[in-house]
Amino acid sequence: MSGKRNVSEAINMYQAYIDSPEKRQALYRRTLIIVVLSQIFGGAGLAAGITVGALLAQDMLGTDNFTGVPTALFTLGSAGSALLVGRLSQRFGRRSGLAAGFLAGGIGAIGVVIAAITNNIFLLFISLLIYGSGGATNLQARYAGTDLANSKQRATAISIAMVSTTFGAVAGPNLVDVMGSFAMKIGVPALSGPFILAAAAYILAGMILLVLLRPDPLVVAQAVAVEQRKNKVFSDVSINTLTMNKKGIFTAATLMVLTQLVMVAIMTMTPVHMGNHGHGLSEVGIIIGFHVGAMYLPSLLTGVLVDRIGRLYMAIAAGVTLLAAGVLAAMAPGESMPLLTLALILLGLGWNFGLISGTAILVDSTNSTNRAKMQGTIDVLVALSGATGGVLSGVVVANSSYAVLSIAGGVLSLFLIPVLIWSSAKKIKVQA
């Protein structure tokens, strides 16, 4: 009932947006600006915290046997929050869902700081679980710009949100030492310093959305769709049908889950592989830096290509690029920095192609009555696939080798091609 009431109220409150495509486009552009602002802070909150999570756990526990627990808790919290943020957004609008997710992430970061001060392991683990909601929201925010976008703008809107995350994600780790010094000056453990930054960044991101994301783009899109369907006049942001394109949703889910699984599996074991061949932490940092850059920085170009060339072609490009990354990583000598760097760049680029094209297909295959809820559900699967990739990668390498893992990941990515061919047999229908 609440969702229907929101739409009914929006019809009355935002009649100007319903009547004017120009006003809707202006709101679309304004929404993108707000999303970019929130994502810059959200990226800082995400990166600053996870950079030292394992180190903080190691310091508090006095052993490195459980240093993987923070990542596991963060991933679990992220998966659960993706579902909740999606459902909240569907029922109350993007503003409420995204703001709640970021604010929860900020509260979790504050809990981590308190846990470090009191040396409370139980509070640390609970807080890390809640902190994961910020990461889920950071990913979910990429959808907000698509609510009022037409079918030729959606991938570009997604890519703008992803690029803006990069600014914060790069700044966050570089402020670790600064925040550590600040923490010591105010009498708290140095490793809790980045979580102070994470708390401030997440809360600020949430407040930006809560205060500025008015009118809510999803609620306006729903109101436009209801009114236009009632008058039997449809547009690119209206609800053309109340049904979902299940084939498109399956294709999008498969694309995003597989690319996440392959990317995380190979990325996770690359530092271990390098360490076994004599590379130091600085060299590992260089390669991972190039990899993260390839994940996010090409997004603007990728979004344009997805909108102009097509979702399916770029999705196939994702599978082929991941295969190339896996083969190169397997064949590269462990001592070769240039070849390993190129392999990790291709790995990040393949993930970028897959996530943006998959997200665009998912938006195309849903409508305003079910879109946010379905987006949250798919992002749960994406988060869990990343956790699975991280766990399985260690098992595979322990029982075989890094080369086997890399080849297996590349071959697995080829499974995308038959799925995409099957999907293209009946063209994915673009919904509102």
Protein backbone atom coordinates (compact mmCIF):
# COMPACT_ATOMS: atom_id res chain seq x y z
CA MET A 1 0.00 0.00 0.00
CA SER A 2 2.82 2.36 0.83
CA GLY A 3 4.34 2.02 -2.64
CA LYS A 4 0.97 2.74 -4.28
CA ARG A 5 0.46 5.72 -2.02
CA ASN A 6 3.89 7.09 -2.98
CA VAL A 7 3.00 6.84 -6.67
CA SER A 8 -0.43 8.42 -6.12
CA GLU A 9 1.10 11.29 -4.17
CA ALA A 10 3.80 11.73 -6.81
CA ILE A 11 1.17 12.02 -9.55
CA ASN A 12 -0.35 14.97 -7.70
CA MET A 13 2.92 16.54 -6.52
CA TYR A 14 4.95 16.20 -9.71
CA GLN A 15 2.41 16.75 -12.45
CA ALA A 16 4.88 19.06 -14.21
CA TYR A 17 7.34 16.17 -14.60
CA ILE A 18 4.56 13.92 -15.86
CA ASP A 19 3.53 16.46 -18.48
CA SER A 20 6.99 17.60 -19.59
CA PRO A 21 9.72 15.33 -21.03
CA GLU A 22 12.07 18.32 -20.80
CA LYS A 23 11.56 18.57 -17.03
CA ARG A 24 12.16 14.84 -16.69
CA GLN A 25 15.45 15.15 -18.58
CA ALA A 26 16.46 18.07 -16.35
CA LEU A 27 15.66 15.96 -13.28
CA TYR A 28 17.64 13.07 -14.80
CA ARG A 29 20.70 15.31 -15.15
CA ARG A 30 20.28 16.70 -11.63
CA THR A 31 19.97 13.18 -10.24
CA LEU A 32 23.26 12.21 -11.90
CA ILE A 33 25.04 15.15 -10.25
CA ILE A 34 23.71 14.17 -6.82
CA VAL A 35 24.66 10.52 -7.37
CA VAL A 36 28.18 11.55 -8.39
CA LEU A 37 28.60 13.60 -5.21
CA SER A 38 27.38 10.79 -3.00
CA GLN A 39 29.52 8.21 -4.81
CA ILE A 40 32.73 10.19 -4.30
CA PHE A 41 32.21 10.08 -0.53
CA GLY A 42 30.84 6.55 -0.67
CA GLY A 43 33.95 5.36 -2.49
CA ALA A 44 36.16 6.93 0.18
CA GLY A 45 34.14 5.20 2.90
CA LEU A 46 34.44 1.85 1.19
CA ALA A 47 38.17 1.94 0.40
CA ALA A 48 39.41 3.56 3.61
CA GLY A 49 37.84 0.91 5.82
CA ILE A 50 38.57 -2.29 3.94
CA THR A 51 42.21 -1.27 3.46
CA VAL A 52 42.99 -1.93 7.14
CA GLY A 53 40.17 -4.25 8.22
CA ALA A 54 42.32 -7.39 8.22
CA LEU A 55 45.19 -5.56 9.97
CA LEU A 56 42.86 -4.34 12.71
CA ALA A 57 41.52 -7.85 13.29
CA GLN A 58 45.07 -9.21 13.39
CA ASP A 59 46.09 -6.56 15.92
CA MET A 60 43.09 -7.15 18.21
CA LEU A 61 43.22 -10.96 18.02
CA GLY A 62 46.98 -11.24 18.27
CA THR A 63 47.06 -13.81 15.46
CA ASP A 64 46.71 -13.88 11.67
CA ASN A 65 44.55 -17.03 11.67
CA PHE A 66 41.35 -14.99 11.39
CA THR A 67 42.46 -12.05 9.30
CA GLY A 68 40.11 -13.19 6.53
CA VAL A 69 37.09 -12.77 8.80
CA PRO A 70 36.66 -9.00 8.20
CA THR A 71 36.41 -9.53 4.44
CA ALA A 72 33.95 -12.38 4.93
CA LEU A 73 31.78 -10.31 7.29
CA PHE A 74 31.94 -7.29 5.02
CA THR A 75 30.84 -9.44 2.06
CA LEU A 76 28.04 -11.08 4.04
CA GLY A 77 26.81 -7.71 5.28
CA SER A 78 27.02 -6.32 1.77
CA ALA A 79 24.94 -9.19 0.37
CA GLY A 80 22.20 -8.85 2.98
CA SER A 81 22.11 -5.08 2.68
CA ALA A 82 21.83 -5.21 -1.11
CA LEU A 83 18.54 -7.05 -0.68
CA LEU A 84 17.26 -4.62 1.97
CA VAL A 85 18.32 -1.48 0.09
CA GLY A 86 16.64 -2.79 -3.06
CA ARG A 87 13.38 -3.50 -1.23
CA LEU A 88 13.44 -0.17 0.61
CA SER A 89 14.05 1.65 -2.66
CA GLN A 90 11.19 -0.18 -4.36
CA ARG A 91 8.77 0.65 -1.57
CA PHE A 92 9.81 4.17 -0.56
CA GLY A 93 12.05 5.42 -3.40
CA ARG A 94 15.77 5.66 -4.10
CA ARG A 95 16.28 8.49 -1.62
CA SER A 96 15.13 6.44 1.36
CA GLY A 97 16.80 3.19 0.35
CA LEU A 98 20.21 4.60 -0.55
CA ALA A 99 20.35 7.08 2.34
CA ALA A 100 19.48 4.31 4.83
CA GLY A 101 22.21 2.06 3.41
CA PHE A 102 24.94 4.68 3.58
CA LEU A 103 23.92 5.83 7.07
CA ALA A 104 23.94 2.22 8.29
CA GLY A 105 27.45 1.84 6.85
CA GLY A 106 28.52 4.94 8.77
CA ILE A 107 27.07 3.54 12.01
CA GLY A 108 28.95 0.29 11.39
CA ALA A 109 32.21 2.22 10.93
CA ILE A 110 31.61 4.06 14.21
CA GLY A 111 31.05 0.67 15.86
CA VAL A 112 34.43 -0.52 14.54
CA VAL A 113 36.15 2.50 16.10
CA ILE A 114 34.45 1.86 19.46
CA ALA A 115 35.41 -1.82 19.23
CA ALA A 116 39.05 -0.87 18.66
CA ILE A 117 39.02 1.51 21.63
CA THR A 118 37.42 -1.07 23.97
CA ASN A 119 39.23 -4.06 22.38
CA ASN A 120 35.85 -5.78 21.97
CA ILE A 121 36.14 -8.51 19.33
CA PHE A 122 32.42 -9.31 19.32
CA LEU A 123 31.52 -5.65 18.68
CA LEU A 124 34.18 -5.52 15.95
CA PHE A 125 32.65 -8.41 14.04
CA ILE A 126 29.07 -7.14 14.39
CA SER A 127 30.15 -3.65 13.33
CA LEU A 128 31.98 -4.99 10.26
CA LEU A 129 28.81 -6.80 9.25
CA ILE A 130 26.84 -3.53 9.46
CA TYR A 131 29.67 -1.62 7.79
CA GLY A 132 29.17 -3.86 4.75
CA SER A 133 25.88 -2.09 4.02
CA GLY A 134 27.87 0.92 2.82
CA GLY A 135 29.58 -1.17 0.17
CA ALA A 136 26.27 -2.61 -1.02
CA THR A 137 24.77 0.87 -1.24
CA ASN A 138 27.78 2.14 -3.14
CA LEU A 139 27.06 -0.50 -5.78
CA GLN A 140 23.28 0.03 -5.72
CA ALA A 141 23.66 3.77 -6.28
CA ARG A 142 24.66 3.10 -9.89
CA TYR A 143 21.00 2.33 -10.60
CA ALA A 144 19.64 5.66 -9.38
CA GLY A 145 20.70 7.57 -12.47
CA THR A 146 18.86 5.14 -14.75
CA ASP A 147 15.32 5.68 -13.40
CA LEU A 148 14.59 8.64 -15.68
CA ALA A 149 17.10 7.77 -18.39
CA ASN A 150 15.92 6.64 -21.80
CA SER A 151 17.24 3.42 -23.34
CA LYS A 152 20.14 5.26 -25.01
CA GLN A 153 21.30 6.89 -21.77
CA ARG A 154 21.20 4.04 -19.26
CA ALA A 155 24.66 2.53 -19.65
CA THR A 156 26.18 6.01 -19.72
CA ALA A 157 24.39 6.89 -16.48
CA ILE A 158 25.70 3.70 -14.87
CA SER A 159 29.23 4.44 -16.01
CA ILE A 160 29.18 8.00 -14.65
CA ALA A 161 28.30 6.66 -11.19
CA MET A 162 31.09 4.08 -11.38
CA VAL A 163 33.73 6.59 -12.46
CA SER A 164 32.81 8.93 -9.62
CA THR A 165 33.33 6.07 -7.15
CA THR A 166 36.94 5.88 -8.36
CA PHE A 167 37.81 9.32 -6.99
CA GLY A 168 36.88 8.32 -3.46
CA ALA A 169 38.28 4.82 -3.80
CA VAL A 170 41.68 6.23 -4.77
CA ALA A 171 41.66 8.94 -2.10
CA GLY A 172 40.62 6.61 0.74
CA PRO A 173 43.71 4.35 0.90
CA ASN A 174 46.03 7.33 0.42
CA LEU A 175 44.61 8.87 3.60
CA VAL A 176 45.29 5.80 5.75
CA ASP A 177 48.51 7.21 7.25
CA VAL A 178 46.97 10.64 7.76
CA MET A 179 43.95 9.19 9.54
CA GLY A 180 46.17 6.89 11.58
CA SER A 181 48.12 9.90 12.87
CA PHE A 182 44.87 11.74 13.57
CA ALA A 183 43.54 8.76 15.53
CA MET A 184 46.63 8.62 17.70
CA LYS A 185 46.39 12.35 18.41
CA ILE A 186 42.86 11.94 19.78
CA GLY A 187 43.86 8.89 21.81
CA VAL A 188 42.42 6.00 19.79
CA PRO A 189 44.23 3.11 18.05
CA ALA A 190 45.93 4.13 14.79
CA LEU A 191 44.27 1.37 12.76
CA SER A 192 40.83 2.72 13.67
CA GLY A 193 41.69 6.01 11.95
CA PRO A 194 40.55 4.95 8.47
CA PHE A 195 37.21 3.87 9.94
CA ILE A 196 36.76 7.39 11.33
CA LEU A 197 37.10 8.60 7.75
CA ALA A 198 34.75 5.83 6.56
CA ALA A 199 32.10 6.85 9.11
CA ALA A 200 32.26 10.51 8.11
CA ALA A 201 32.27 9.69 4.38
CA TYR A 202 29.34 7.26 4.52
CA ILE A 203 27.23 9.54 6.71
CA LEU A 204 27.94 12.49 4.42
CA ALA A 205 27.01 10.40 1.36
CA GLY A 206 23.75 9.40 3.05
CA MET A 207 22.90 12.97 4.01
CA ILE A 208 23.58 14.24 0.47
CA LEU A 209 21.03 11.75 -0.88
CA LEU A 210 18.53 12.31 1.92
CA VAL A 211 18.55 16.10 1.56
CA LEU A 212 19.15 16.63 -2.15
CA LEU A 213 17.56 13.68 -3.97
CA ARG A 214 14.19 15.41 -4.25
CA PRO A 215 12.02 14.71 -6.10
CA ASP A 216 12.82 11.02 -5.96
CA PRO A 217 13.62 9.79 -9.51
CA LEU A 218 12.15 6.32 -9.03
CA VAL A 219 8.87 7.61 -7.59
CA VAL A 220 8.60 10.17 -10.39
CA ALA A 221 9.29 7.46 -12.99
CA GLN A 222 6.55 5.30 -11.46
CA ALA A 223 4.13 8.22 -11.47
CA VAL A 224 4.91 9.02 -15.11
CA ALA A 225 4.43 5.40 -16.07
CA VAL A 226 1.10 5.02 -14.27
CA GLU A 227 -0.29 8.22 -15.78
CA GLN A 228 0.89 7.40 -19.30
CA ARG A 229 -0.39 3.85 -19.14
CA LYS A 230 -3.75 5.17 -17.98
CA ASN A 231 -3.84 7.47 -21.00
CA LYS A 232 -2.37 4.76 -23.26
CA VAL A 233 0.55 7.00 -24.16
CA PHE A 234 3.94 5.41 -23.60
CA SER A 235 7.45 6.80 -23.50
CA ASP A 236 10.93 5.54 -22.82
CA VAL A 237 10.50 6.02 -19.08
CA SER A 238 6.99 4.65 -18.82
CA ILE A 239 5.92 1.17 -17.78
CA ASN A 240 5.22 -0.57 -21.05
CA THR A 241 4.11 -3.71 -19.29
CA LEU A 242 3.67 -5.01 -15.77
CA THR A 243 5.58 -8.18 -16.59
CA MET A 244 9.31 -8.75 -16.41
CA ASN A 245 11.54 -10.02 -19.18
CA LYS A 246 12.75 -13.13 -17.33
CA LYS A 247 15.12 -14.08 -20.12
CA GLY A 248 16.84 -10.71 -19.92
CA ILE A 249 17.01 -10.86 -16.12
CA PHE A 250 18.63 -14.31 -16.25
CA THR A 251 21.12 -13.09 -18.84
CA ALA A 252 22.02 -10.01 -16.77
CA ALA A 253 22.40 -12.06 -13.59
CA THR A 254 24.58 -14.68 -15.29
CA LEU A 255 26.75 -11.98 -16.85
CA MET A 256 27.36 -10.06 -13.63
CA VAL A 257 27.76 -13.14 -11.41
CA LEU A 258 30.26 -14.89 -13.70
CA THR A 259 32.38 -11.80 -14.33
CA GLN A 260 32.50 -11.09 -10.58
CA LEU A 261 33.41 -14.71 -9.78
CA VAL A 262 36.23 -14.89 -12.32
CA MET A 263 37.60 -11.44 -11.49
CA VAL A 264 37.70 -11.96 -7.72
CA ALA A 265 39.15 -15.48 -7.97
CA ILE A 266 42.14 -14.47 -10.11
CA MET A 267 42.66 -11.12 -8.36
CA THR A 268 42.65 -12.73 -4.89
CA MET A 269 45.46 -15.17 -5.65
CA THR A 270 47.64 -12.87 -7.78
CA PRO A 271 49.40 -11.26 -4.74
CA VAL A 272 50.08 -14.75 -3.31
CA HIS A 273 51.43 -15.91 -6.68
CA MET A 274 53.67 -12.84 -6.89
CA GLY A 275 54.92 -13.33 -3.34
CA ASN A 276 55.91 -16.89 -4.19
CA HIS A 277 58.05 -15.51 -7.02
CA GLY A 278 59.89 -12.94 -4.93
CA HIS A 279 57.84 -9.81 -5.56
CA GLY A 280 57.49 -7.35 -2.68
CA LEU A 281 54.46 -5.47 -1.38
CA SER A 282 55.26 -2.37 -3.44
CA GLU A 283 55.17 -4.41 -6.65
CA VAL A 284 51.95 -6.09 -5.60
CA GLY A 285 50.49 -2.65 -4.91
CA ILE A 286 51.45 -1.41 -8.36
CA ILE A 287 49.73 -4.31 -10.14
CA ILE A 288 46.60 -4.15 -8.00
CA GLY A 289 46.50 -0.39 -8.57
CA PHE A 290 46.52 -0.89 -12.34
CA HIS A 291 43.85 -3.57 -11.94
CA VAL A 292 41.51 -1.34 -9.90
CA GLY A 293 42.07 1.49 -12.36
CA ALA A 294 41.06 -0.80 -15.23
CA MET A 295 37.92 -1.79 -13.30
CA TYR A 296 36.58 1.74 -13.01
CA LEU A 297 38.38 4.34 -15.11
CA PRO A 298 37.22 3.07 -18.56
CA SER A 299 33.59 3.25 -17.42
CA LEU A 300 32.65 6.41 -19.31
CA LEU A 301 33.84 4.96 -22.61
CA THR A 302 32.30 1.58 -21.79
CA GLY A 303 28.93 3.19 -21.07
CA VAL A 304 28.94 4.99 -24.42
CA LEU A 305 29.88 1.77 -26.23
CA VAL A 306 27.18 -0.22 -24.46
CA ASP A 307 24.56 2.37 -25.42
CA ARG A 308 25.76 2.73 -29.03
CA ILE A 309 27.13 -0.67 -30.03
CA GLY A 310 24.74 -2.70 -27.93
CA ARG A 311 24.52 -4.62 -24.65
CA LEU A 312 25.06 -8.07 -26.12
CA TYR A 313 28.17 -7.18 -28.14
CA MET A 314 29.85 -5.61 -25.11
CA ALA A 315 28.83 -8.58 -22.96
CA ILE A 316 30.55 -10.92 -25.43
CA ALA A 317 33.57 -8.61 -25.29
CA ALA A 318 33.58 -9.12 -21.50
CA GLY A 319 33.82 -12.90 -21.88
CA VAL A 320 36.56 -12.70 -24.51
CA THR A 321 38.57 -10.16 -22.48
CA LEU A 322 38.35 -12.30 -19.32
CA LEU A 323 39.50 -15.32 -21.31
CA ALA A 324 42.51 -13.35 -22.58
CA ALA A 325 43.28 -12.24 -19.02
CA GLY A 326 43.16 -15.80 -17.71
CA VAL A 327 45.34 -17.21 -20.48
CA LEU A 328 47.91 -14.43 -20.14
CA ALA A 329 48.03 -14.75 -16.33
CA ALA A 330 48.57 -18.51 -16.67
CA MET A 331 51.30 -18.23 -19.31
CA ALA A 332 53.16 -15.23 -17.87
CA PRO A 333 56.35 -16.09 -15.97
CA GLY A 334 55.90 -15.37 -12.28
CA GLU A 335 58.85 -12.98 -12.40
CA SER A 336 57.39 -10.88 -15.24
CA MET A 337 55.88 -7.68 -13.90
CA PRO A 338 54.84 -6.33 -17.36
CA LEU A 339 52.91 -9.48 -18.36
CA LEU A 340 51.22 -9.90 -14.97
CA THR A 341 50.28 -6.22 -15.02
CA LEU A 342 48.75 -6.57 -18.49
CA ALA A 343 46.84 -9.67 -17.37
CA LEU A 344 45.36 -7.84 -14.38
CA ILE A 345 44.48 -4.83 -16.53
CA LEU A 346 42.57 -7.12 -18.90
CA LEU A 347 40.92 -8.77 -15.90
CA GLY A 348 39.67 -5.41 -14.62
CA LEU A 349 38.57 -4.34 -18.09
CA GLY A 350 36.59 -7.55 -18.65
CA TRP A 351 34.85 -7.04 -15.32
CA ASN A 352 34.04 -3.45 -16.30
CA PHE A 353 32.49 -4.55 -19.61
CA GLY A 354 30.48 -7.25 -17.86
CA LEU A 355 29.14 -5.16 -14.99
CA ILE A 356 28.05 -2.19 -17.10
CA SER A 357 26.47 -4.22 -19.91
CA GLY A 358 24.85 -6.58 -17.39
CA THR A 359 23.44 -3.70 -15.37
CA ALA A 360 22.04 -2.09 -18.53
CA ILE A 361 20.40 -5.39 -19.57
CA LEU A 362 18.87 -5.71 -16.10
CA VAL A 363 17.42 -2.19 -16.24
CA ASP A 364 16.06 -2.87 -19.74
CA SER A 365 14.43 -6.12 -18.58
CA THR A 366 12.52 -4.69 -15.60
CA ASN A 367 10.02 -1.89 -15.07
CA SER A 368 9.31 0.71 -12.43
CA THR A 369 7.09 -1.60 -10.39
CA ASN A 370 9.77 -4.22 -9.78
CA ARG A 371 13.10 -2.75 -10.86
CA ALA A 372 14.69 -1.73 -7.54
CA LYS A 373 13.65 -4.94 -5.79
CA MET A 374 15.08 -7.09 -8.59
CA GLN A 375 18.28 -5.01 -8.69
CA GLY A 376 18.82 -5.65 -4.98
CA THR A 377 18.25 -9.38 -5.44
CA ILE A 378 20.75 -9.65 -8.30
CA ASP A 379 23.35 -7.65 -6.37
CA VAL A 380 23.07 -10.20 -3.54
CA LEU A 381 24.08 -12.90 -6.01
CA VAL A 382 26.93 -10.73 -7.30
CA ALA A 383 28.26 -10.19 -3.76
CA LEU A 384 28.01 -13.88 -2.90
CA SER A 385 29.71 -14.87 -6.15
CA GLY A 386 32.63 -12.63 -5.21
CA ALA A 387 32.90 -14.31 -1.81
CA THR A 388 32.71 -17.73 -3.48
CA GLY A 389 35.43 -16.78 -5.95
CA GLY A 390 37.70 -15.66 -3.14
CA VAL A 391 37.23 -18.87 -1.15
CA LEU A 392 37.47 -21.28 -4.10
CA SER A 393 40.55 -19.59 -5.53
CA GLY A 394 42.62 -20.58 -2.51
CA VAL A 395 41.36 -24.17 -2.68
CA VAL A 396 42.15 -24.46 -6.40
CA VAL A 397 45.66 -23.04 -6.05
CA ALA A 398 46.39 -25.16 -2.99
CA ASN A 399 45.47 -28.32 -4.91
CA SER A 400 46.89 -27.34 -8.30
CA SER A 401 48.43 -24.00 -9.30
CA TYR A 402 47.80 -20.35 -10.10
CA ALA A 403 48.02 -21.22 -13.81
CA VAL A 404 45.21 -23.78 -13.47
CA LEU A 405 43.07 -21.23 -11.62
CA SER A 406 43.65 -18.60 -14.30
CA ILE A 407 42.88 -20.95 -17.20
CA ALA A 408 39.77 -22.25 -15.39
CA GLY A 409 38.55 -18.70 -14.86
CA GLY A 410 39.11 -17.79 -18.49
CA VAL A 411 37.32 -20.90 -19.75
CA LEU A 412 34.42 -20.33 -17.32
CA SER A 413 33.95 -16.84 -18.72
CA LEU A 414 33.31 -18.38 -22.15
CA PHE A 415 30.07 -19.80 -20.75
CA LEU A 416 28.75 -16.28 -21.18
CA ILE A 417 28.74 -16.63 -24.97
CA PRO A 418 26.14 -19.45 -25.29
CA VAL A 419 23.97 -17.68 -22.71
CA LEU A 420 24.14 -14.48 -24.74
CA ILE A 421 23.44 -16.31 -28.02
CA TRP A 422 20.42 -17.97 -26.38
CA SER A 423 19.29 -14.59 -25.10
CA SER A 424 19.67 -12.88 -28.47
CA ALA A 425 17.48 -15.52 -30.12
CA LYS A 426 14.62 -13.48 -28.70
CA LYS A 427 15.72 -9.86 -28.49
CA ILE A 428 15.82 -8.41 -25.00
CA LYS A 429 12.89 -6.05 -24.83
CA VAL A 430 13.59 -2.60 -23.40
CA GLN A 431 11.22 -1.80 -20.53
CA ALA A 432 10.66 1.49 -18.75
